[in-house]
Amino acid sequence: MELLLPSRRTVPPSATGPPADFPPPGHGLDHEQPALTSIGLCAAWSRHAAELAVPLGAALQRWEETPSTHTLVADGYLARILPGIFLPPDLLRSAVRRALALGCALGAQLQAHHVIAGPSAAWVVLGGPPPPSAELLSPAHRGDQAGVVLRHARLQPDEVETIGGAPVTIPVRTAMDLLRFAPSWVAEPTLRRLVAAGHVQVPQIRQRLHRMYRHPGVHAARERLEQMLGDQRETSGVPEPTGLPSAVTRYTS
């Protein structure tokens, strides 16, 4: 089992902000809201996810959204998982941790049929700052939570992989959803990173898009693929170092 310990980050003397795990005075820490609990977080996905999520969920921090909090995020002392819910960035160094962090932040809103998708799925495998909104796919139509985009979709079994017990769209499906729904300023750099890191190849995306019928945005997605990545070689080059687990080990780590 992967051990996830709260970060004890030391602030350099030149820094203007406090460490991420020490709430500074006047930065809007909400003392009145009930404490977040790690018990049962991610259990909707799987027992494995729930077990791995316990220490990670215990490190979640609930802060008010204030200019000072935004500064802490911009300076790298906090990572915003959902509006008002944060983690120290040091705890988000693996795909497993990122997937479970999103499940923990969703809390009681998490459902078994929620699948991490789009920019969120790309963030899970690539790392970097979390996207402004979490994106999930679900066969259900209902769902309303601040900072979450819930799309209706019926995924095929081969379009979903399990990372640390959490369901995530496979990279080629992630790429297709980016082309169909994400704005160009999000889709293009993310797609290029997915290809450069070796998670997906342009011919795979092209082939999958041509097999999709009666799906919203497919025709436009095919055109966007050629505009954004038509100059890519038929196979990706040597993957750039990313520090990510391999496509095999990341499923269960």
C-alpha atoms as a PDB file:
ATOM      1  CA  MET A   1       0.000   0.000   0.000  1.00  0.00           C
ATOM      2  CA  GLU A   2       1.292   3.453  -0.832  1.00  0.00           C
ATOM      3  CA  LEU A   3       1.959   5.551   2.251  1.00  0.00           C
ATOM      4  CA  LEU A   4       0.771   9.138   1.906  1.00  0.00           C
ATOM      5  CA  LEU A   5       2.071  11.428   4.628  1.00  0.00           C
ATOM      6  CA  PRO A   6       1.174  15.074   5.130  1.00  0.00           C
ATOM      7  CA  SER A   7       3.823  17.437   3.776  1.00  0.00           C
ATOM      8  CA  ARG A   8       6.093  19.292   6.170  1.00  0.00           C
ATOM      9  CA  ARG A   9       7.368  21.810   3.681  1.00  0.00           C
ATOM     10  CA  THR A  10       9.809  24.454   4.918  1.00  0.00           C
ATOM     11  CA  VAL A  11       9.416  27.972   3.621  1.00  0.00           C
ATOM     12  CA  PRO A  12      12.621  29.601   2.343  1.00  0.00           C
ATOM     13  CA  PRO A  13      13.666  32.823   4.130  1.00  0.00           C
ATOM     14  CA  SER A  14      12.785  34.891   1.059  1.00  0.00           C
ATOM     15  CA  ALA A  15       9.251  33.556   0.821  1.00  0.00           C
ATOM     16  CA  THR A  16       6.357  35.822   1.691  1.00  0.00           C
ATOM     17  CA  GLY A  17       3.896  33.083   2.625  1.00  0.00           C
ATOM     18  CA  PRO A  18       3.740  30.390   5.317  1.00  0.00           C
ATOM     19  CA  PRO A  19       4.102  26.647   4.755  1.00  0.00           C
ATOM     20  CA  ALA A  20       1.100  24.973   3.191  1.00  0.00           C
ATOM     21  CA  ASP A  21       0.266  22.974   6.303  1.00  0.00           C
ATOM     22  CA  PHE A  22       0.253  26.004   8.623  1.00  0.00           C
ATOM     23  CA  PRO A  23      -2.834  28.222   8.245  1.00  0.00           C
ATOM     24  CA  PRO A  24      -1.639  31.843   8.432  1.00  0.00           C
ATOM     25  CA  PRO A  25      -3.588  34.486  10.323  1.00  0.00           C
ATOM     26  CA  GLY A  26      -6.032  36.421   8.211  1.00  0.00           C
ATOM     27  CA  HIS A  27      -5.977  33.989   5.308  1.00  0.00           C
ATOM     28  CA  GLY A  28      -9.578  32.925   5.704  1.00  0.00           C
ATOM     29  CA  LEU A  29      -9.327  29.538   7.386  1.00  0.00           C
ATOM     30  CA  ASP A  30     -12.897  28.580   8.104  1.00  0.00           C
ATOM     31  CA  HIS A  31     -13.015  27.429  11.729  1.00  0.00           C
ATOM     32  CA  GLU A  32     -16.785  27.146  11.702  1.00  0.00           C
ATOM     33  CA  GLN A  33     -17.131  24.471   9.054  1.00  0.00           C
ATOM     34  CA  PRO A  34     -16.962  20.827  10.133  1.00  0.00           C
ATOM     35  CA  ALA A  35     -13.568  19.223   9.781  1.00  0.00           C
ATOM     36  CA  LEU A  36     -12.970  17.115   6.725  1.00  0.00           C
ATOM     37  CA  THR A  37     -12.753  13.440   7.512  1.00  0.00           C
ATOM     38  CA  SER A  38     -10.758  10.752   5.762  1.00  0.00           C
ATOM     39  CA  ILE A  39     -13.009   7.899   6.868  1.00  0.00           C
ATOM     40  CA  GLY A  40     -14.820   6.329   3.942  1.00  0.00           C
ATOM     41  CA  LEU A  41     -13.466   8.736   1.336  1.00  0.00           C
ATOM     42  CA  CYS A  42     -13.300   7.141  -2.130  1.00  0.00           C
ATOM     43  CA  ALA A  43     -15.185   4.073  -0.856  1.00  0.00           C
ATOM     44  CA  ALA A  44     -17.766   4.625  -3.594  1.00  0.00           C
ATOM     45  CA  TRP A  45     -15.088   3.715  -6.122  1.00  0.00           C
ATOM     46  CA  SER A  46     -13.564   0.699  -4.397  1.00  0.00           C
ATOM     47  CA  ARG A  47     -12.264  -0.630  -1.118  1.00  0.00           C
ATOM     48  CA  HIS A  48      -8.748  -0.373  -2.506  1.00  0.00           C
ATOM     49  CA  ALA A  49      -9.239   3.324  -3.242  1.00  0.00           C
ATOM     50  CA  ALA A  50     -10.716   3.902   0.222  1.00  0.00           C
ATOM     51  CA  GLU A  51      -7.730   2.262   1.926  1.00  0.00           C
ATOM     52  CA  LEU A  52      -5.206   4.273  -0.051  1.00  0.00           C
ATOM     53  CA  ALA A  53      -7.173   7.481   0.450  1.00  0.00           C
ATOM     54  CA  VAL A  54      -7.232   7.494   4.273  1.00  0.00           C
ATOM     55  CA  PRO A  55      -3.976   9.386   4.940  1.00  0.00           C
ATOM     56  CA  LEU A  56      -4.433  11.562   1.866  1.00  0.00           C
ATOM     57  CA  GLY A  57      -7.951  12.536   2.913  1.00  0.00           C
ATOM     58  CA  ALA A  58      -6.668  13.416   6.365  1.00  0.00           C
ATOM     59  CA  ALA A  59      -4.386  16.036   4.791  1.00  0.00           C
ATOM     60  CA  LEU A  60      -7.201  17.869   2.974  1.00  0.00           C
ATOM     61  CA  GLN A  61      -7.577  21.472   4.032  1.00  0.00           C
ATOM     62  CA  ARG A  62     -10.759  23.545   3.807  1.00  0.00           C
ATOM     63  CA  TRP A  63     -10.028  27.231   3.316  1.00  0.00           C
ATOM     64  CA  GLU A  64     -12.092  30.196   2.263  1.00  0.00           C
ATOM     65  CA  GLU A  65     -11.462  31.487  -1.253  1.00  0.00           C
ATOM     66  CA  THR A  66      -9.762  34.824  -0.616  1.00  0.00           C
ATOM     67  CA  PRO A  67      -7.097  36.822  -2.457  1.00  0.00           C
ATOM     68  CA  SER A  68      -4.562  35.631   0.123  1.00  0.00           C
ATOM     69  CA  THR A  69      -5.487  31.999  -0.495  1.00  0.00           C
ATOM     70  CA  HIS A  70      -5.164  32.560  -4.237  1.00  0.00           C
ATOM     71  CA  THR A  71      -1.658  33.927  -3.600  1.00  0.00           C
ATOM     72  CA  LEU A  72      -0.724  30.780  -1.688  1.00  0.00           C
ATOM     73  CA  VAL A  73      -1.895  28.707  -4.665  1.00  0.00           C
ATOM     74  CA  ALA A  74       0.008  30.884  -7.141  1.00  0.00           C
ATOM     75  CA  ASP A  75       3.160  30.663  -5.006  1.00  0.00           C
ATOM     76  CA  GLY A  76       2.962  26.872  -4.857  1.00  0.00           C
ATOM     77  CA  TYR A  77       2.109  26.429  -1.175  1.00  0.00           C
ATOM     78  CA  LEU A  78      -1.370  25.024  -1.835  1.00  0.00           C
ATOM     79  CA  ALA A  79      -3.022  23.122  -4.678  1.00  0.00           C
ATOM     80  CA  ARG A  80      -6.731  23.749  -5.184  1.00  0.00           C
ATOM     81  CA  ILE A  81      -8.473  20.420  -5.844  1.00  0.00           C
ATOM     82  CA  LEU A  82     -12.001  21.878  -5.735  1.00  0.00           C
ATOM     83  CA  PRO A  83     -13.206  25.326  -4.684  1.00  0.00           C
ATOM     84  CA  GLY A  84     -12.383  25.717  -1.006  1.00  0.00           C
ATOM     85  CA  ILE A  85     -10.587  22.355  -0.757  1.00  0.00           C
ATOM     86  CA  PHE A  86      -6.793  22.213  -0.926  1.00  0.00           C
ATOM     87  CA  LEU A  87      -3.794  19.948  -0.478  1.00  0.00           C
ATOM     88  CA  PRO A  88      -0.071  20.616  -0.165  1.00  0.00           C
ATOM     89  CA  PRO A  89       1.398  20.096  -3.664  1.00  0.00           C
ATOM     90  CA  ASP A  90       3.996  17.705  -2.240  1.00  0.00           C
ATOM     91  CA  LEU A  91       1.228  15.129  -1.812  1.00  0.00           C
ATOM     92  CA  LEU A  92       0.340  15.133  -5.509  1.00  0.00           C
ATOM     93  CA  ARG A  93       3.505  13.644  -6.972  1.00  0.00           C
ATOM     94  CA  SER A  94       2.003  10.462  -8.402  1.00  0.00           C
ATOM     95  CA  ALA A  95      -0.932   9.551 -10.616  1.00  0.00           C
ATOM     96  CA  VAL A  96      -2.462   7.496  -7.800  1.00  0.00           C
ATOM     97  CA  ARG A  97      -2.357  10.406  -5.383  1.00  0.00           C
ATOM     98  CA  ARG A  98      -3.852  12.825  -7.892  1.00  0.00           C
ATOM     99  CA  ALA A  99      -6.738  10.495  -8.746  1.00  0.00           C
ATOM    100  CA  LEU A 100      -7.528   9.820  -5.086  1.00  0.00           C
ATOM    101  CA  ALA A 101      -7.146  13.499  -4.162  1.00  0.00           C
ATOM    102  CA  LEU A 102     -10.008  14.314  -6.507  1.00  0.00           C
ATOM    103  CA  GLY A 103     -12.149  11.533  -5.053  1.00  0.00           C
ATOM    104  CA  CYS A 104     -11.399  12.702  -1.506  1.00  0.00           C
ATOM    105  CA  ALA A 105     -12.295  16.294  -2.373  1.00  0.00           C
ATOM    106  CA  LEU A 106     -15.645  15.169  -3.805  1.00  0.00           C
ATOM    107  CA  GLY A 107     -16.432  13.550  -0.455  1.00  0.00           C
ATOM    108  CA  ALA A 108     -20.026  12.369  -0.070  1.00  0.00           C
ATOM    109  CA  GLN A 109     -20.817  13.604  -3.594  1.00  0.00           C
ATOM    110  CA  LEU A 110     -18.652  10.864  -5.112  1.00  0.00           C
ATOM    111  CA  GLN A 111     -20.625   8.086  -6.814  1.00  0.00           C
ATOM    112  CA  ALA A 112     -19.472   4.668  -7.993  1.00  0.00           C
ATOM    113  CA  HIS A 113     -20.267   5.596 -11.608  1.00  0.00           C
ATOM    114  CA  HIS A 114     -18.152   8.766 -11.613  1.00  0.00           C
ATOM    115  CA  VAL A 115     -15.174   8.430 -13.961  1.00  0.00           C
ATOM    116  CA  ILE A 116     -12.381  11.005 -13.984  1.00  0.00           C
ATOM    117  CA  ALA A 117     -12.220  12.429 -17.507  1.00  0.00           C
ATOM    118  CA  GLY A 118     -11.098  15.281 -19.762  1.00  0.00           C
ATOM    119  CA  PRO A 119      -8.609  17.777 -18.277  1.00  0.00           C
ATOM    120  CA  SER A 120      -8.850  16.013 -14.907  1.00  0.00           C
ATOM    121  CA  ALA A 121      -7.854  12.648 -16.412  1.00  0.00           C
ATOM    122  CA  ALA A 122      -4.965  14.344 -18.211  1.00  0.00           C
ATOM    123  CA  TRP A 123      -3.893  15.935 -14.914  1.00  0.00           C
ATOM    124  CA  VAL A 124      -3.925  12.540 -13.201  1.00  0.00           C
ATOM    125  CA  VAL A 125      -1.407  11.066 -15.650  1.00  0.00           C
ATOM    126  CA  LEU A 126       0.630  14.204 -16.422  1.00  0.00           C
ATOM    127  CA  GLY A 127       0.722  16.131 -13.150  1.00  0.00           C
ATOM    128  CA  GLY A 128       1.140  19.888 -12.903  1.00  0.00           C
ATOM    129  CA  PRO A 129      -1.441  22.277 -11.443  1.00  0.00           C
ATOM    130  CA  PRO A 130      -4.967  20.838 -11.103  1.00  0.00           C
ATOM    131  CA  PRO A 131      -7.430  22.142 -13.723  1.00  0.00           C
ATOM    132  CA  PRO A 132      -9.768  24.948 -12.604  1.00  0.00           C
ATOM    133  CA  SER A 133     -12.760  22.578 -12.748  1.00  0.00           C
ATOM    134  CA  ALA A 134     -12.865  18.850 -12.110  1.00  0.00           C
ATOM    135  CA  GLU A 135     -14.387  16.851 -14.947  1.00  0.00           C
ATOM    136  CA  LEU A 136     -16.259  13.580 -14.555  1.00  0.00           C
ATOM    137  CA  LEU A 137     -18.211  11.304 -16.869  1.00  0.00           C
ATOM    138  CA  SER A 138     -21.277   9.447 -15.636  1.00  0.00           C
ATOM    139  CA  PRO A 139     -24.215   7.509 -17.107  1.00  0.00           C
ATOM    140  CA  ALA A 140     -26.457   9.530 -14.781  1.00  0.00           C
ATOM    141  CA  HIS A 141     -27.733  12.988 -15.680  1.00  0.00           C
ATOM    142  CA  ARG A 142     -27.989  14.407 -12.183  1.00  0.00           C
ATOM    143  CA  GLY A 143     -25.167  16.070 -10.363  1.00  0.00           C
ATOM    144  CA  ASP A 144     -24.427  19.596  -9.264  1.00  0.00           C
ATOM    145  CA  GLN A 145     -21.350  20.566  -7.268  1.00  0.00           C
ATOM    146  CA  ALA A 146     -19.276  23.715  -7.313  1.00  0.00           C
ATOM    147  CA  GLY A 147     -16.168  23.346  -9.429  1.00  0.00           C
ATOM    148  CA  VAL A 148     -17.278  20.074 -11.055  1.00  0.00           C
ATOM    149  CA  VAL A 149     -18.262  19.498 -14.679  1.00  0.00           C
ATOM    150  CA  LEU A 150     -20.334  16.314 -14.882  1.00  0.00           C
ATOM    151  CA  ARG A 151     -20.940  15.057 -18.428  1.00  0.00           C
ATOM    152  CA  HIS A 152     -23.382  12.326 -19.386  1.00  0.00           C
ATOM    153  CA  ALA A 153     -21.691   9.433 -21.199  1.00  0.00           C
ATOM    154  CA  ARG A 154     -21.888   5.686 -21.540  1.00  0.00           C
ATOM    155  CA  LEU A 155     -18.307   4.497 -21.612  1.00  0.00           C
ATOM    156  CA  GLN A 156     -17.166   1.175 -23.004  1.00  0.00           C
ATOM    157  CA  PRO A 157     -15.211  -1.028 -20.565  1.00  0.00           C
ATOM    158  CA  ASP A 158     -12.026  -0.611 -22.609  1.00  0.00           C
ATOM    159  CA  GLU A 159     -12.243   3.179 -22.280  1.00  0.00           C
ATOM    160  CA  VAL A 160     -11.621   3.132 -18.527  1.00  0.00           C
ATOM    161  CA  GLU A 161      -8.551   2.160 -16.534  1.00  0.00           C
ATOM    162  CA  THR A 162      -8.185   1.884 -12.777  1.00  0.00           C
ATOM    163  CA  ILE A 163      -5.519   3.969 -11.058  1.00  0.00           C
ATOM    164  CA  GLY A 164      -5.215   3.267  -7.362  1.00  0.00           C
ATOM    165  CA  GLY A 165      -8.769   1.922  -7.372  1.00  0.00           C
ATOM    166  CA  ALA A 166     -10.138   5.068  -9.063  1.00  0.00           C
ATOM    167  CA  PRO A 167     -11.698   4.893 -12.554  1.00  0.00           C
ATOM    168  CA  VAL A 168     -10.049   7.195 -15.116  1.00  0.00           C
ATOM    169  CA  THR A 169     -10.600   7.418 -18.866  1.00  0.00           C
ATOM    170  CA  ILE A 170      -7.736   5.900 -20.839  1.00  0.00           C
ATOM    171  CA  PRO A 171      -5.474   8.465 -22.531  1.00  0.00           C
ATOM    172  CA  VAL A 172      -6.964   8.046 -26.007  1.00  0.00           C
ATOM    173  CA  ARG A 173     -10.488   8.642 -24.679  1.00  0.00           C
ATOM    174  CA  THR A 174      -9.164  11.565 -22.659  1.00  0.00           C
ATOM    175  CA  ALA A 175      -7.666  13.003 -25.842  1.00  0.00           C
ATOM    176  CA  MET A 176     -10.963  12.625 -27.722  1.00  0.00           C
ATOM    177  CA  ASP A 177     -12.897  14.379 -24.961  1.00  0.00           C
ATOM    178  CA  LEU A 178     -10.370  17.216 -24.909  1.00  0.00           C
ATOM    179  CA  LEU A 179     -10.869  17.653 -28.651  1.00  0.00           C
ATOM    180  CA  ARG A 180     -14.649  17.547 -28.334  1.00  0.00           C
ATOM    181  CA  PHE A 181     -15.232  19.732 -25.303  1.00  0.00           C
ATOM    182  CA  ALA A 182     -12.157  21.635 -24.067  1.00  0.00           C
ATOM    183  CA  PRO A 183     -11.258  25.115 -25.308  1.00  0.00           C
ATOM    184  CA  SER A 184      -8.251  25.210 -27.616  1.00  0.00           C
ATOM    185  CA  TRP A 185      -6.024  26.883 -25.045  1.00  0.00           C
ATOM    186  CA  VAL A 186      -6.569  23.849 -22.789  1.00  0.00           C
ATOM    187  CA  ALA A 187      -6.843  21.081 -25.394  1.00  0.00           C
ATOM    188  CA  GLU A 188      -3.791  21.755 -27.553  1.00  0.00           C
ATOM    189  CA  PRO A 189      -1.009  21.954 -24.930  1.00  0.00           C
ATOM    190  CA  THR A 190      -2.524  19.059 -22.992  1.00  0.00           C
ATOM    191  CA  LEU A 191      -2.748  16.872 -26.091  1.00  0.00           C
ATOM    192  CA  ARG A 192       0.841  17.666 -27.013  1.00  0.00           C
ATOM    193  CA  ARG A 193       1.981  16.669 -23.517  1.00  0.00           C
ATOM    194  CA  LEU A 194       0.036  13.397 -23.680  1.00  0.00           C
ATOM    195  CA  VAL A 195       1.656  12.549 -27.022  1.00  0.00           C
ATOM    196  CA  ALA A 196       5.153  13.685 -26.016  1.00  0.00           C
ATOM    197  CA  ALA A 197       5.005  11.631 -22.799  1.00  0.00           C
ATOM    198  CA  GLY A 198       4.063   8.516 -24.766  1.00  0.00           C
ATOM    199  CA  HIS A 199       0.594   8.056 -23.273  1.00  0.00           C
ATOM    200  CA  VAL A 200      -1.135   8.174 -26.664  1.00  0.00           C
ATOM    201  CA  GLN A 201      -0.292   8.444 -30.364  1.00  0.00           C
ATOM    202  CA  VAL A 202      -1.977  10.671 -32.926  1.00  0.00           C
ATOM    203  CA  PRO A 203      -3.017   7.742 -35.196  1.00  0.00           C
ATOM    204  CA  GLN A 204      -4.803   6.159 -32.208  1.00  0.00           C
ATOM    205  CA  ILE A 205      -6.805   9.312 -31.605  1.00  0.00           C
ATOM    206  CA  ARG A 206      -7.596   9.682 -35.304  1.00  0.00           C
ATOM    207  CA  GLN A 207      -8.743   6.064 -35.597  1.00  0.00           C
ATOM    208  CA  ARG A 208     -10.963   6.265 -32.500  1.00  0.00           C
ATOM    209  CA  LEU A 209     -12.581   9.494 -33.657  1.00  0.00           C
ATOM    210  CA  HIS A 210     -13.444   7.954 -37.012  1.00  0.00           C
ATOM    211  CA  ARG A 211     -15.086   5.019 -35.217  1.00  0.00           C
ATOM    212  CA  MET A 212     -17.348   7.289 -33.178  1.00  0.00           C
ATOM    213  CA  TYR A 213     -20.837   7.844 -34.564  1.00  0.00           C
ATOM    214  CA  ARG A 214     -23.640  10.087 -33.379  1.00  0.00           C
ATOM    215  CA  HIS A 215     -21.497  11.590 -30.637  1.00  0.00           C
ATOM    216  CA  PRO A 216     -21.664  15.342 -30.052  1.00  0.00           C
ATOM    217  CA  GLY A 217     -18.704  17.265 -31.385  1.00  0.00           C
ATOM    218  CA  VAL A 218     -17.020  14.397 -33.226  1.00  0.00           C
ATOM    219  CA  HIS A 219     -16.846  16.093 -36.632  1.00  0.00           C
ATOM    220  CA  ALA A 220     -15.343  19.250 -35.116  1.00  0.00           C
ATOM    221  CA  ALA A 221     -12.951  17.114 -33.045  1.00  0.00           C
ATOM    222  CA  ARG A 222     -11.574  15.468 -36.190  1.00  0.00           C
ATOM    223  CA  GLU A 223     -10.866  18.877 -37.693  1.00  0.00           C
ATOM    224  CA  ARG A 224      -9.306  20.152 -34.480  1.00  0.00           C
ATOM    225  CA  LEU A 225      -7.018  17.119 -34.299  1.00  0.00           C
ATOM    226  CA  GLU A 226      -5.566  17.888 -37.727  1.00  0.00           C
ATOM    227  CA  GLN A 227      -5.220  21.581 -36.888  1.00  0.00           C
ATOM    228  CA  MET A 228      -3.483  20.920 -33.581  1.00  0.00           C
ATOM    229  CA  LEU A 229      -1.516  17.739 -34.168  1.00  0.00           C
ATOM    230  CA  GLY A 230      -1.584  17.113 -37.924  1.00  0.00           C
ATOM    231  CA  ASP A 231       2.139  17.863 -38.065  1.00  0.00           C
ATOM    232  CA  GLN A 232       2.997  15.085 -35.593  1.00  0.00           C
ATOM    233  CA  ARG A 233       4.871  12.008 -36.747  1.00  0.00           C
ATOM    234  CA  GLU A 234       2.915   8.801 -37.098  1.00  0.00           C
ATOM    235  CA  THR A 235       4.511   7.492 -33.918  1.00  0.00           C
ATOM    236  CA  SER A 236       5.622   9.460 -30.912  1.00  0.00           C
ATOM    237  CA  GLY A 237       9.296   9.936 -30.212  1.00  0.00           C
ATOM    238  CA  VAL A 238      11.165   8.975 -27.096  1.00  0.00           C
ATOM    239  CA  PRO A 239       8.930   9.855 -24.163  1.00  0.00           C
ATOM    240  CA  GLU A 240       9.994  12.845 -22.129  1.00  0.00           C
ATOM    241  CA  PRO A 241      10.881  12.079 -18.519  1.00  0.00           C
ATOM    242  CA  THR A 242       7.778  12.678 -16.417  1.00  0.00           C
ATOM    243  CA  GLY A 243       8.387  10.785 -13.189  1.00  0.00           C
ATOM    244  CA  LEU A 244       5.106   8.935 -13.721  1.00  0.00           C
ATOM    245  CA  PRO A 245       4.633   5.245 -12.984  1.00  0.00           C
ATOM    246  CA  SER A 246       4.464   2.991 -16.010  1.00  0.00           C
ATOM    247  CA  ALA A 247       1.154   2.221 -17.706  1.00  0.00           C
ATOM    248  CA  VAL A 248       1.116  -1.090 -15.845  1.00  0.00           C
ATOM    249  CA  THR A 249       2.154  -0.137 -12.314  1.00  0.00           C
ATOM    250  CA  ARG A 250      -0.002   2.965 -12.063  1.00  0.00           C
ATOM    251  CA  TYR A 251      -3.217   0.934 -12.128  1.00  0.00           C
ATOM    252  CA  THR A 252      -2.850  -0.492  -8.634  1.00  0.00           C
ATOM    253  CA  SER A 253      -0.054   1.363  -6.871  1.00  0.00           C
END
